[in-house]
Amino acid sequence: MRVIRRGALVLALTGVAPHQAPAQQPPVAIVDVTVLPMDTERRLEHQTVLVADGRIRAVGPVREVTVPAHATRVDGRGRFLMPGFAEMHAHLPGTGASPELVERVLFLYVANGVTTARGMLGNPTHLALRDSVARGRLLGPRLFVAGPALGGSAVPSPEDGRRQVREQRAAGYDHIKIQEGLSLESYDAIVTTAKAVGIPFAGHVPDAVPLSHALDAGQATVDHFDNYAATLDEDGEVTDAELHALMAATRAAGVWVVPTMALWETFRSAEPVESLQQRPELQYVPAAFVDSWSQAVANIRR
């Protein structure tokens, strides 16, 4: 369960949850690598990183870290090593996806250094997918999965929201996905029930729900910067003081923002759709996906 991509040295030493590392594998030592610890703007050169049983056991200068004789050694000279990336708004393959497609998507995450992914467009198949990765049956990032999104069409009444939260919690989902279209009453019913049964709720901020209300409710994340622009632009102007006050309120509430900037940069880009389709990374994506994605981008730009 290791992926080692040469070049910049992107390493996913285990594609499973840390507490589910494959048994009986020898330690892995990345020797003489430059570590980017990501705690501050710095680089640690000529380091050896020792990983055993799914955990980093040692990080230090080459001369100070003892590498066990039975360890798998990776030459890190001229390369960089950093913590794994986390994809915080993933759309995992849906119901009916072929096993080949599922394996390809999960492998591409790990091959590109993504070691954690939070699914935000859920269905029951994702529960089995999450558990297969955790048990080492599939190579992929550690998964946290939402159930089917709770939006206006799925939750026409507060009681529907309460019922579906309880059902998703019992099914074993990791969090609730809030979607657009909820009434304020249904949103509050979801929030109250989620807190009562102990499951986080995250995602969009419906138009009927003031952003300040979602912050006060303790929504775990606000994705896509939902309703921030609308809140700041109520009077047609945005001052630095208003911006700083909203950011301070977000931080004080303990709410994280998932900006998905790559999404907006693609949607708002002046680059023609035909040019987007020629991006080299799309060679790894099924042609049908590229076609549907291109059409969605074109529709949004209209």
C-alpha atoms as a PDB file:
ATOM      1  CA  MET A   1       0.000   0.000   0.000  1.00  0.00           C
ATOM      2  CA  ARG A   2       2.728   2.495  -0.953  1.00  0.00           C
ATOM      3  CA  VAL A   3       2.869   4.915  -3.835  1.00  0.00           C
ATOM      4  CA  ILE A   4       6.207   6.568  -4.624  1.00  0.00           C
ATOM      5  CA  ARG A   5       6.147   8.976  -7.541  1.00  0.00           C
ATOM      6  CA  ARG A   6       9.600  10.039  -8.648  1.00  0.00           C
ATOM      7  CA  GLY A   7      10.425  13.665  -9.335  1.00  0.00           C
ATOM      8  CA  ALA A   8       9.144  15.828  -6.514  1.00  0.00           C
ATOM      9  CA  LEU A   9       8.893  12.647  -4.431  1.00  0.00           C
ATOM     10  CA  VAL A  10       5.202  12.455  -3.684  1.00  0.00           C
ATOM     11  CA  LEU A  11       4.834   9.675  -1.143  1.00  0.00           C
ATOM     12  CA  ALA A  12       1.705   8.084   0.246  1.00  0.00           C
ATOM     13  CA  LEU A  13       3.250   5.512   2.516  1.00  0.00           C
ATOM     14  CA  THR A  14      -0.062   3.987   3.447  1.00  0.00           C
ATOM     15  CA  GLY A  15      -3.311   4.372   1.600  1.00  0.00           C
ATOM     16  CA  VAL A  16      -5.297   3.395   4.674  1.00  0.00           C
ATOM     17  CA  ALA A  17      -6.336   5.000   7.896  1.00  0.00           C
ATOM     18  CA  PRO A  18      -3.374   5.375  10.289  1.00  0.00           C
ATOM     19  CA  HIS A  19      -4.819   2.910  12.814  1.00  0.00           C
ATOM     20  CA  GLN A  20      -5.360   0.348  10.042  1.00  0.00           C
ATOM     21  CA  ALA A  21      -1.849   0.148   8.606  1.00  0.00           C
ATOM     22  CA  PRO A  22      -1.175  -3.133   6.777  1.00  0.00           C
ATOM     23  CA  ALA A  23       0.366  -5.726   9.045  1.00  0.00           C
ATOM     24  CA  GLN A  24       3.787  -7.295   8.614  1.00  0.00           C
ATOM     25  CA  GLN A  25       5.201  -4.584   6.335  1.00  0.00           C
ATOM     26  CA  PRO A  26       8.803  -3.521   6.939  1.00  0.00           C
ATOM     27  CA  PRO A  27       9.538   0.061   8.013  1.00  0.00           C
ATOM     28  CA  VAL A  28      10.119   2.637   5.294  1.00  0.00           C
ATOM     29  CA  ALA A  29      13.003   5.100   5.515  1.00  0.00           C
ATOM     30  CA  ILE A  30      13.153   8.136   3.221  1.00  0.00           C
ATOM     31  CA  VAL A  31      16.830   9.006   3.388  1.00  0.00           C
ATOM     32  CA  ASP A  32      18.483  12.388   2.792  1.00  0.00           C
ATOM     33  CA  VAL A  33      15.319  14.204   1.769  1.00  0.00           C
ATOM     34  CA  THR A  34      14.339  17.863   2.176  1.00  0.00           C
ATOM     35  CA  VAL A  35      11.326  18.022   4.498  1.00  0.00           C
ATOM     36  CA  LEU A  36       8.715  20.770   4.224  1.00  0.00           C
ATOM     37  CA  PRO A  37       7.061  20.497   7.669  1.00  0.00           C
ATOM     38  CA  MET A  38       4.365  23.100   6.816  1.00  0.00           C
ATOM     39  CA  ASP A  39       4.249  24.497  10.356  1.00  0.00           C
ATOM     40  CA  THR A  40       6.214  27.570   9.255  1.00  0.00           C
ATOM     41  CA  GLU A  41       7.938  28.787   6.081  1.00  0.00           C
ATOM     42  CA  ARG A  42      10.996  26.598   6.335  1.00  0.00           C
ATOM     43  CA  ARG A  43      12.736  23.592   4.856  1.00  0.00           C
ATOM     44  CA  LEU A  44      14.729  20.930   6.664  1.00  0.00           C
ATOM     45  CA  GLU A  45      17.501  19.593   4.461  1.00  0.00           C
ATOM     46  CA  HIS A  46      19.316  16.241   4.609  1.00  0.00           C
ATOM     47  CA  GLN A  47      16.669  14.549   6.738  1.00  0.00           C
ATOM     48  CA  THR A  48      15.752  10.914   7.223  1.00  0.00           C
ATOM     49  CA  VAL A  49      12.096  10.106   7.884  1.00  0.00           C
ATOM     50  CA  LEU A  50      11.333   6.683   9.336  1.00  0.00           C
ATOM     51  CA  VAL A  51       7.806   5.264   9.071  1.00  0.00           C
ATOM     52  CA  ALA A  52       6.710   2.052  10.792  1.00  0.00           C
ATOM     53  CA  ASP A  53       3.287   0.563  11.491  1.00  0.00           C
ATOM     54  CA  GLY A  54       1.596   3.418   9.688  1.00  0.00           C
ATOM     55  CA  ARG A  55       3.212   6.081  11.895  1.00  0.00           C
ATOM     56  CA  ILE A  56       6.119   8.479  11.514  1.00  0.00           C
ATOM     57  CA  ARG A  57       8.573   7.198  14.096  1.00  0.00           C
ATOM     58  CA  ALA A  58      11.506   9.548  13.541  1.00  0.00           C
ATOM     59  CA  VAL A  59      12.442  12.701  11.655  1.00  0.00           C
ATOM     60  CA  GLY A  60      15.972  14.050  11.923  1.00  0.00           C
ATOM     61  CA  PRO A  61      19.326  14.671  10.280  1.00  0.00           C
ATOM     62  CA  VAL A  62      20.679  11.743   8.290  1.00  0.00           C
ATOM     63  CA  ARG A  63      23.506  11.093  10.757  1.00  0.00           C
ATOM     64  CA  GLU A  64      21.157  11.003  13.750  1.00  0.00           C
ATOM     65  CA  VAL A  65      18.391   8.646  12.595  1.00  0.00           C
ATOM     66  CA  THR A  66      19.171   4.936  12.688  1.00  0.00           C
ATOM     67  CA  VAL A  67      17.603   3.006   9.820  1.00  0.00           C
ATOM     68  CA  PRO A  68      16.744  -0.617  10.675  1.00  0.00           C
ATOM     69  CA  ALA A  69      18.508  -3.152   8.498  1.00  0.00           C
ATOM     70  CA  HIS A  70      15.211  -4.626   7.265  1.00  0.00           C
ATOM     71  CA  ALA A  71      13.683  -1.252   6.331  1.00  0.00           C
ATOM     72  CA  THR A  72      12.762  -0.310   2.776  1.00  0.00           C
ATOM     73  CA  ARG A  73      15.051   2.583   1.862  1.00  0.00           C
ATOM     74  CA  VAL A  74      13.910   5.390  -0.456  1.00  0.00           C
ATOM     75  CA  ASP A  75      16.566   7.717  -1.837  1.00  0.00           C
ATOM     76  CA  GLY A  76      15.348  11.237  -1.084  1.00  0.00           C
ATOM     77  CA  ARG A  77      18.321  13.171  -2.462  1.00  0.00           C
ATOM     78  CA  GLY A  78      17.218  16.154  -4.525  1.00  0.00           C
ATOM     79  CA  ARG A  79      13.597  15.613  -3.587  1.00  0.00           C
ATOM     80  CA  PHE A  80      11.056  17.071  -1.178  1.00  0.00           C
ATOM     81  CA  LEU A  81       8.742  15.448   1.369  1.00  0.00           C
ATOM     82  CA  MET A  82       5.729  17.101   2.933  1.00  0.00           C
ATOM     83  CA  PRO A  83       2.583  16.099   4.831  1.00  0.00           C
ATOM     84  CA  GLY A  84      -0.245  14.617   2.810  1.00  0.00           C
ATOM     85  CA  PHE A  85      -2.853  16.868   1.253  1.00  0.00           C
ATOM     86  CA  ALA A  86      -6.493  16.779   2.377  1.00  0.00           C
ATOM     87  CA  GLU A  87      -9.306  17.107  -0.163  1.00  0.00           C
ATOM     88  CA  MET A  88     -12.025  18.722   1.921  1.00  0.00           C
ATOM     89  CA  HIS A  89     -14.786  18.792  -0.692  1.00  0.00           C
ATOM     90  CA  ALA A  90     -14.556  15.553  -2.628  1.00  0.00           C
ATOM     91  CA  HIS A  91     -17.182  14.120  -4.933  1.00  0.00           C
ATOM     92  CA  LEU A  92     -16.452  10.413  -4.840  1.00  0.00           C
ATOM     93  CA  PRO A  93     -17.698   8.047  -7.569  1.00  0.00           C
ATOM     94  CA  GLY A  94     -21.443   7.618  -7.323  1.00  0.00           C
ATOM     95  CA  THR A  95     -23.834   4.698  -7.370  1.00  0.00           C
ATOM     96  CA  GLY A  96     -23.268   2.521 -10.404  1.00  0.00           C
ATOM     97  CA  ALA A  97     -19.631   3.471 -10.902  1.00  0.00           C
ATOM     98  CA  SER A  98     -17.559   0.573 -12.154  1.00  0.00           C
ATOM     99  CA  PRO A  99     -14.929  -0.978  -9.864  1.00  0.00           C
ATOM    100  CA  GLU A 100     -12.282   0.114 -12.371  1.00  0.00           C
ATOM    101  CA  LEU A 101     -13.388   3.746 -12.136  1.00  0.00           C
ATOM    102  CA  VAL A 102     -13.502   3.647  -8.342  1.00  0.00           C
ATOM    103  CA  GLU A 103      -9.988   2.198  -8.169  1.00  0.00           C
ATOM    104  CA  ARG A 104      -8.681   4.778 -10.634  1.00  0.00           C
ATOM    105  CA  VAL A 105     -10.135   7.742  -8.737  1.00  0.00           C
ATOM    106  CA  LEU A 106      -8.837   6.545  -5.389  1.00  0.00           C
ATOM    107  CA  PHE A 107      -5.410   5.787  -6.832  1.00  0.00           C
ATOM    108  CA  LEU A 108      -5.152   9.251  -8.404  1.00  0.00           C
ATOM    109  CA  TYR A 109      -5.778  10.829  -5.006  1.00  0.00           C
ATOM    110  CA  VAL A 110      -2.944   8.898  -3.405  1.00  0.00           C
ATOM    111  CA  ALA A 111      -0.572   9.229  -6.376  1.00  0.00           C
ATOM    112  CA  ASN A 112      -0.917  13.008  -6.117  1.00  0.00           C
ATOM    113  CA  GLY A 113      -0.289  13.142  -2.391  1.00  0.00           C
ATOM    114  CA  VAL A 114      -3.887  13.342  -1.148  1.00  0.00           C
ATOM    115  CA  THR A 115      -4.032  11.132   1.933  1.00  0.00           C
ATOM    116  CA  THR A 116      -7.388  12.312   3.341  1.00  0.00           C
ATOM    117  CA  ALA A 117     -10.606  13.053   1.454  1.00  0.00           C
ATOM    118  CA  ARG A 118     -13.921  14.285   2.829  1.00  0.00           C
ATOM    119  CA  GLY A 119     -16.808  13.136   0.682  1.00  0.00           C
ATOM    120  CA  MET A 120     -19.468  15.825   0.246  1.00  0.00           C
ATOM    121  CA  LEU A 121     -21.808  14.150  -2.228  1.00  0.00           C
ATOM    122  CA  GLY A 122     -22.724  10.929  -0.499  1.00  0.00           C
ATOM    123  CA  ASN A 123     -24.621   7.721  -1.039  1.00  0.00           C
ATOM    124  CA  PRO A 124     -24.693   4.325   0.732  1.00  0.00           C
ATOM    125  CA  THR A 125     -21.914   2.857  -1.436  1.00  0.00           C
ATOM    126  CA  HIS A 126     -19.459   5.277   0.145  1.00  0.00           C
ATOM    127  CA  LEU A 127     -19.786   3.580   3.516  1.00  0.00           C
ATOM    128  CA  ALA A 128     -18.432   0.344   2.052  1.00  0.00           C
ATOM    129  CA  LEU A 129     -15.807   2.275   0.108  1.00  0.00           C
ATOM    130  CA  ARG A 130     -14.573   3.986   3.267  1.00  0.00           C
ATOM    131  CA  ASP A 131     -14.368   0.692   5.119  1.00  0.00           C
ATOM    132  CA  SER A 132     -12.582  -1.099   2.262  1.00  0.00           C
ATOM    133  CA  VAL A 133      -9.863   1.568   2.266  1.00  0.00           C
ATOM    134  CA  ALA A 134      -9.577   1.426   6.057  1.00  0.00           C
ATOM    135  CA  ARG A 135      -9.104  -2.348   5.944  1.00  0.00           C
ATOM    136  CA  GLY A 136      -6.466  -2.171   3.221  1.00  0.00           C
ATOM    137  CA  ARG A 137      -8.612  -3.809   0.560  1.00  0.00           C
ATOM    138  CA  LEU A 138      -8.478  -0.718  -1.666  1.00  0.00           C
ATOM    139  CA  LEU A 139      -5.649   1.757  -2.143  1.00  0.00           C
ATOM    140  CA  GLY A 140      -6.963   5.214  -1.417  1.00  0.00           C
ATOM    141  CA  PRO A 141      -6.941   8.154   0.956  1.00  0.00           C
ATOM    142  CA  ARG A 142      -8.530   7.972   4.366  1.00  0.00           C
ATOM    143  CA  LEU A 143     -12.197   8.753   3.722  1.00  0.00           C
ATOM    144  CA  PHE A 144     -14.758  10.684   5.722  1.00  0.00           C
ATOM    145  CA  VAL A 145     -18.147  10.403   4.034  1.00  0.00           C
ATOM    146  CA  ALA A 146     -21.429  12.274   4.131  1.00  0.00           C
ATOM    147  CA  GLY A 147     -24.799  10.781   3.449  1.00  0.00           C
ATOM    148  CA  PRO A 148     -27.174  12.042   0.754  1.00  0.00           C
ATOM    149  CA  ALA A 149     -27.344  15.833   0.861  1.00  0.00           C
ATOM    150  CA  LEU A 150     -30.087  17.448   2.929  1.00  0.00           C
ATOM    151  CA  GLY A 151     -31.489  20.207   0.742  1.00  0.00           C
ATOM    152  CA  GLY A 152     -34.858  21.714   0.010  1.00  0.00           C
ATOM    153  CA  SER A 153     -36.161  18.946  -2.236  1.00  0.00           C
ATOM    154  CA  ALA A 154     -34.996  16.176   0.104  1.00  0.00           C
ATOM    155  CA  VAL A 155     -36.197  17.910   3.271  1.00  0.00           C
ATOM    156  CA  PRO A 156     -39.574  19.565   2.666  1.00  0.00           C
ATOM    157  CA  SER A 157     -40.343  19.832   6.391  1.00  0.00           C
ATOM    158  CA  PRO A 158     -38.490  20.040   9.716  1.00  0.00           C
ATOM    159  CA  GLU A 159     -39.664  16.531  10.637  1.00  0.00           C
ATOM    160  CA  ASP A 160     -38.110  15.170   7.442  1.00  0.00           C
ATOM    161  CA  GLY A 161     -34.848  16.784   8.492  1.00  0.00           C
ATOM    162  CA  ARG A 162     -34.953  15.287  11.977  1.00  0.00           C
ATOM    163  CA  ARG A 163     -35.754  11.836  10.602  1.00  0.00           C
ATOM    164  CA  GLN A 164     -33.014  11.849   7.980  1.00  0.00           C
ATOM    165  CA  VAL A 165     -30.351  13.037  10.418  1.00  0.00           C
ATOM    166  CA  ARG A 166     -31.205  10.165  12.764  1.00  0.00           C
ATOM    167  CA  GLU A 167     -31.153   7.693   9.858  1.00  0.00           C
ATOM    168  CA  GLN A 168     -27.775   8.884   8.583  1.00  0.00           C
ATOM    169  CA  ARG A 169     -26.274   8.779  12.052  1.00  0.00           C
ATOM    170  CA  ALA A 170     -27.529   5.203  12.515  1.00  0.00           C
ATOM    171  CA  ALA A 171     -26.148   4.210   9.105  1.00  0.00           C
ATOM    172  CA  GLY A 172     -22.659   5.293  10.140  1.00  0.00           C
ATOM    173  CA  TYR A 173     -21.988   8.375   8.034  1.00  0.00           C
ATOM    174  CA  ASP A 174     -19.298  10.715   9.332  1.00  0.00           C
ATOM    175  CA  HIS A 175     -21.145  13.989   8.804  1.00  0.00           C
ATOM    176  CA  ILE A 176     -24.297  15.586   7.407  1.00  0.00           C
ATOM    177  CA  LYS A 177     -24.117  17.488   4.113  1.00  0.00           C
ATOM    178  CA  ILE A 178     -26.164  20.700   4.191  1.00  0.00           C
ATOM    179  CA  GLN A 179     -27.460  21.642   0.738  1.00  0.00           C
ATOM    180  CA  GLU A 180     -29.219  24.662  -0.727  1.00  0.00           C
ATOM    181  CA  GLY A 181     -32.964  25.164  -0.544  1.00  0.00           C
ATOM    182  CA  LEU A 182     -33.601  24.441   3.131  1.00  0.00           C
ATOM    183  CA  SER A 183     -36.038  26.615   5.038  1.00  0.00           C
ATOM    184  CA  LEU A 184     -34.765  28.185   8.240  1.00  0.00           C
ATOM    185  CA  GLU A 185     -37.079  25.903  10.234  1.00  0.00           C
ATOM    186  CA  SER A 186     -35.769  22.756   8.520  1.00  0.00           C
ATOM    187  CA  TYR A 187     -32.161  23.901   8.938  1.00  0.00           C
ATOM    188  CA  ASP A 188     -32.689  24.444  12.657  1.00  0.00           C
ATOM    189  CA  ALA A 189     -34.350  21.031  13.007  1.00  0.00           C
ATOM    190  CA  ILE A 190     -31.337  19.404  11.323  1.00  0.00           C
ATOM    191  CA  VAL A 191     -28.925  21.313  13.564  1.00  0.00           C
ATOM    192  CA  THR A 192     -30.747  20.451  16.780  1.00  0.00           C
ATOM    193  CA  THR A 193     -31.016  16.767  15.874  1.00  0.00           C
ATOM    194  CA  ALA A 194     -27.412  16.524  14.663  1.00  0.00           C
ATOM    195  CA  LYS A 195     -26.172  17.918  17.958  1.00  0.00           C
ATOM    196  CA  ALA A 196     -28.432  15.581  19.911  1.00  0.00           C
ATOM    197  CA  VAL A 197     -27.209  12.432  18.125  1.00  0.00           C
ATOM    198  CA  GLY A 198     -23.594  13.579  17.838  1.00  0.00           C
ATOM    199  CA  ILE A 199     -22.893  14.009  14.129  1.00  0.00           C
ATOM    200  CA  PRO A 200     -21.254  17.082  12.536  1.00  0.00           C
ATOM    201  CA  PHE A 201     -23.071  19.059   9.844  1.00  0.00           C
ATOM    202  CA  ALA A 202     -21.296  20.976   7.097  1.00  0.00           C
ATOM    203  CA  GLY A 203     -21.507  22.290   3.559  1.00  0.00           C
ATOM    204  CA  HIS A 204     -23.644  25.051   2.086  1.00  0.00           C
ATOM    205  CA  VAL A 205     -25.425  27.903   3.828  1.00  0.00           C
ATOM    206  CA  PRO A 206     -28.960  27.961   2.380  1.00  0.00           C
ATOM    207  CA  ASP A 207     -30.228  31.343   1.229  1.00  0.00           C
ATOM    208  CA  ALA A 208     -32.950  31.289   3.902  1.00  0.00           C
ATOM    209  CA  VAL A 209     -30.286  30.947   6.616  1.00  0.00           C
ATOM    210  CA  PRO A 210     -28.280  34.076   7.516  1.00  0.00           C
ATOM    211  CA  LEU A 211     -24.545  33.400   7.595  1.00  0.00           C
ATOM    212  CA  SER A 212     -24.411  34.677  11.170  1.00  0.00           C
ATOM    213  CA  HIS A 213     -27.052  32.092  12.095  1.00  0.00           C
ATOM    214  CA  ALA A 214     -25.000  29.256  10.577  1.00  0.00           C
ATOM    215  CA  LEU A 215     -21.915  30.443  12.468  1.00  0.00           C
ATOM    216  CA  ASP A 216     -23.838  30.606  15.728  1.00  0.00           C
ATOM    217  CA  ALA A 217     -25.274  27.137  15.043  1.00  0.00           C
ATOM    218  CA  GLY A 218     -21.781  25.662  14.939  1.00  0.00           C
ATOM    219  CA  GLN A 219     -21.792  24.429  11.351  1.00  0.00           C
ATOM    220  CA  ALA A 220     -18.477  22.597  11.010  1.00  0.00           C
ATOM    221  CA  THR A 221     -17.534  24.110   7.657  1.00  0.00           C
ATOM    222  CA  VAL A 222     -18.886  26.639   5.213  1.00  0.00           C
ATOM    223  CA  ASP A 223     -18.021  25.389   1.732  1.00  0.00           C
ATOM    224  CA  HIS A 224     -17.521  27.534  -1.383  1.00  0.00           C
ATOM    225  CA  PHE A 225     -17.507  30.694   0.797  1.00  0.00           C
ATOM    226  CA  ASP A 226     -21.289  30.379   0.748  1.00  0.00           C
ATOM    227  CA  ASN A 227     -23.119  33.654   1.558  1.00  0.00           C
ATOM    228  CA  TYR A 228     -19.953  35.525   2.558  1.00  0.00           C
ATOM    229  CA  ALA A 229     -20.139  37.814  -0.464  1.00  0.00           C
ATOM    230  CA  ALA A 230     -23.874  38.356   0.008  1.00  0.00           C
ATOM    231  CA  THR A 231     -23.372  39.209   3.678  1.00  0.00           C
ATOM    232  CA  LEU A 232     -20.567  41.666   2.981  1.00  0.00           C
ATOM    233  CA  ASP A 233     -22.253  43.312   0.007  1.00  0.00           C
ATOM    234  CA  GLU A 234     -25.624  44.051   1.604  1.00  0.00           C
ATOM    235  CA  ASP A 235     -25.113  47.807   1.342  1.00  0.00           C
ATOM    236  CA  GLY A 236     -23.249  47.727  -1.956  1.00  0.00           C
ATOM    237  CA  GLU A 237     -19.850  48.350  -0.379  1.00  0.00           C
ATOM    238  CA  VAL A 238     -17.321  46.225   1.451  1.00  0.00           C
ATOM    239  CA  THR A 239     -14.972  47.863   3.918  1.00  0.00           C
ATOM    240  CA  ASP A 240     -11.885  46.351   5.474  1.00  0.00           C
ATOM    241  CA  ALA A 241     -13.521  46.666   8.877  1.00  0.00           C
ATOM    242  CA  GLU A 242     -16.564  44.653   7.768  1.00  0.00           C
ATOM    243  CA  LEU A 243     -14.372  41.982   6.230  1.00  0.00           C
ATOM    244  CA  HIS A 244     -12.209  41.672   9.320  1.00  0.00           C
ATOM    245  CA  ALA A 245     -15.267  41.553  11.580  1.00  0.00           C
ATOM    246  CA  LEU A 246     -16.789  38.684   9.570  1.00  0.00           C
ATOM    247  CA  MET A 247     -13.519  36.760   9.581  1.00  0.00           C
ATOM    248  CA  ALA A 248     -13.196  37.304  13.334  1.00  0.00           C
ATOM    249  CA  ALA A 249     -16.757  36.033  13.858  1.00  0.00           C
ATOM    250  CA  THR A 250     -15.985  32.936  11.789  1.00  0.00           C
ATOM    251  CA  ARG A 251     -12.874  32.214  13.808  1.00  0.00           C
ATOM    252  CA  ALA A 252     -14.615  32.839  17.122  1.00  0.00           C
ATOM    253  CA  ALA A 253     -17.353  30.380  16.143  1.00  0.00           C
ATOM    254  CA  GLY A 254     -14.768  27.692  15.410  1.00  0.00           C
ATOM    255  CA  VAL A 255     -16.087  27.325  11.860  1.00  0.00           C
ATOM    256  CA  TRP A 256     -13.721  26.350   9.038  1.00  0.00           C
ATOM    257  CA  VAL A 257     -14.097  27.702   5.505  1.00  0.00           C
ATOM    258  CA  VAL A 258     -13.559  25.421   2.499  1.00  0.00           C
ATOM    259  CA  PRO A 259     -13.104  27.904  -0.364  1.00  0.00           C
ATOM    260  CA  THR A 260     -12.771  25.428  -3.292  1.00  0.00           C
ATOM    261  CA  MET A 261     -10.856  28.108  -5.159  1.00  0.00           C
ATOM    262  CA  ALA A 262      -9.904  25.746  -7.986  1.00  0.00           C
ATOM    263  CA  LEU A 263     -13.615  25.441  -8.734  1.00  0.00           C
ATOM    264  CA  TRP A 264     -14.178  29.196  -8.955  1.00  0.00           C
ATOM    265  CA  GLU A 265     -10.986  29.774 -10.907  1.00  0.00           C
ATOM    266  CA  THR A 266     -12.200  27.293 -13.502  1.00  0.00           C
ATOM    267  CA  PHE A 267     -15.744  28.639 -13.651  1.00  0.00           C
ATOM    268  CA  ARG A 268     -14.668  32.298 -13.860  1.00  0.00           C
ATOM    269  CA  SER A 269     -11.623  31.790 -16.060  1.00  0.00           C
ATOM    270  CA  ALA A 270     -11.441  33.387 -19.493  1.00  0.00           C
ATOM    271  CA  GLU A 271      -9.763  30.242 -20.800  1.00  0.00           C
ATOM    272  CA  PRO A 272     -11.993  28.652 -23.468  1.00  0.00           C
ATOM    273  CA  VAL A 273     -13.637  25.373 -22.571  1.00  0.00           C
ATOM    274  CA  GLU A 274     -11.915  23.762 -25.541  1.00  0.00           C
ATOM    275  CA  SER A 275      -8.564  24.707 -24.012  1.00  0.00           C
ATOM    276  CA  LEU A 276      -9.591  23.363 -20.611  1.00  0.00           C
ATOM    277  CA  GLN A 277     -10.336  20.024 -22.242  1.00  0.00           C
ATOM    278  CA  GLN A 278      -6.724  19.779 -23.385  1.00  0.00           C
ATOM    279  CA  ARG A 279      -5.215  19.961 -19.921  1.00  0.00           C
ATOM    280  CA  PRO A 280      -2.740  17.084 -19.571  1.00  0.00           C
ATOM    281  CA  GLU A 281      -4.160  15.843 -16.264  1.00  0.00           C
ATOM    282  CA  LEU A 282      -7.471  15.040 -17.941  1.00  0.00           C
ATOM    283  CA  GLN A 283      -5.876  12.099 -19.721  1.00  0.00           C
ATOM    284  CA  TYR A 284      -6.463  10.136 -16.509  1.00  0.00           C
ATOM    285  CA  VAL A 285     -10.197  10.896 -16.431  1.00  0.00           C
ATOM    286  CA  PRO A 286     -12.761   8.906 -18.459  1.00  0.00           C
ATOM    287  CA  ALA A 287     -13.825  10.733 -21.610  1.00  0.00           C
ATOM    288  CA  ALA A 288     -17.480  10.759 -20.525  1.00  0.00           C
ATOM    289  CA  PHE A 289     -16.506  12.613 -17.354  1.00  0.00           C
ATOM    290  CA  VAL A 290     -14.534  15.186 -19.320  1.00  0.00           C
ATOM    291  CA  ASP A 291     -17.497  15.758 -21.625  1.00  0.00           C
ATOM    292  CA  SER A 292     -20.003  16.238 -18.791  1.00  0.00           C
ATOM    293  CA  TRP A 293     -17.588  18.464 -16.862  1.00  0.00           C
ATOM    294  CA  SER A 294     -16.951  20.624 -19.948  1.00  0.00           C
ATOM    295  CA  GLN A 295     -20.679  21.006 -20.541  1.00  0.00           C
ATOM    296  CA  ALA A 296     -21.241  21.988 -16.899  1.00  0.00           C
ATOM    297  CA  VAL A 297     -18.515  24.636 -17.108  1.00  0.00           C
ATOM    298  CA  ALA A 298     -19.996  25.986 -20.356  1.00  0.00           C
ATOM    299  CA  ASN A 299     -23.488  26.165 -18.814  1.00  0.00           C
ATOM    300  CA  ILE A 300     -22.274  28.015 -15.726  1.00  0.00           C
ATOM    301  CA  ARG A 301     -20.396  30.582 -17.821  1.00  0.00           C
ATOM    302  CA  ARG A 302     -23.467  31.472 -19.851  1.00  0.00           C
END
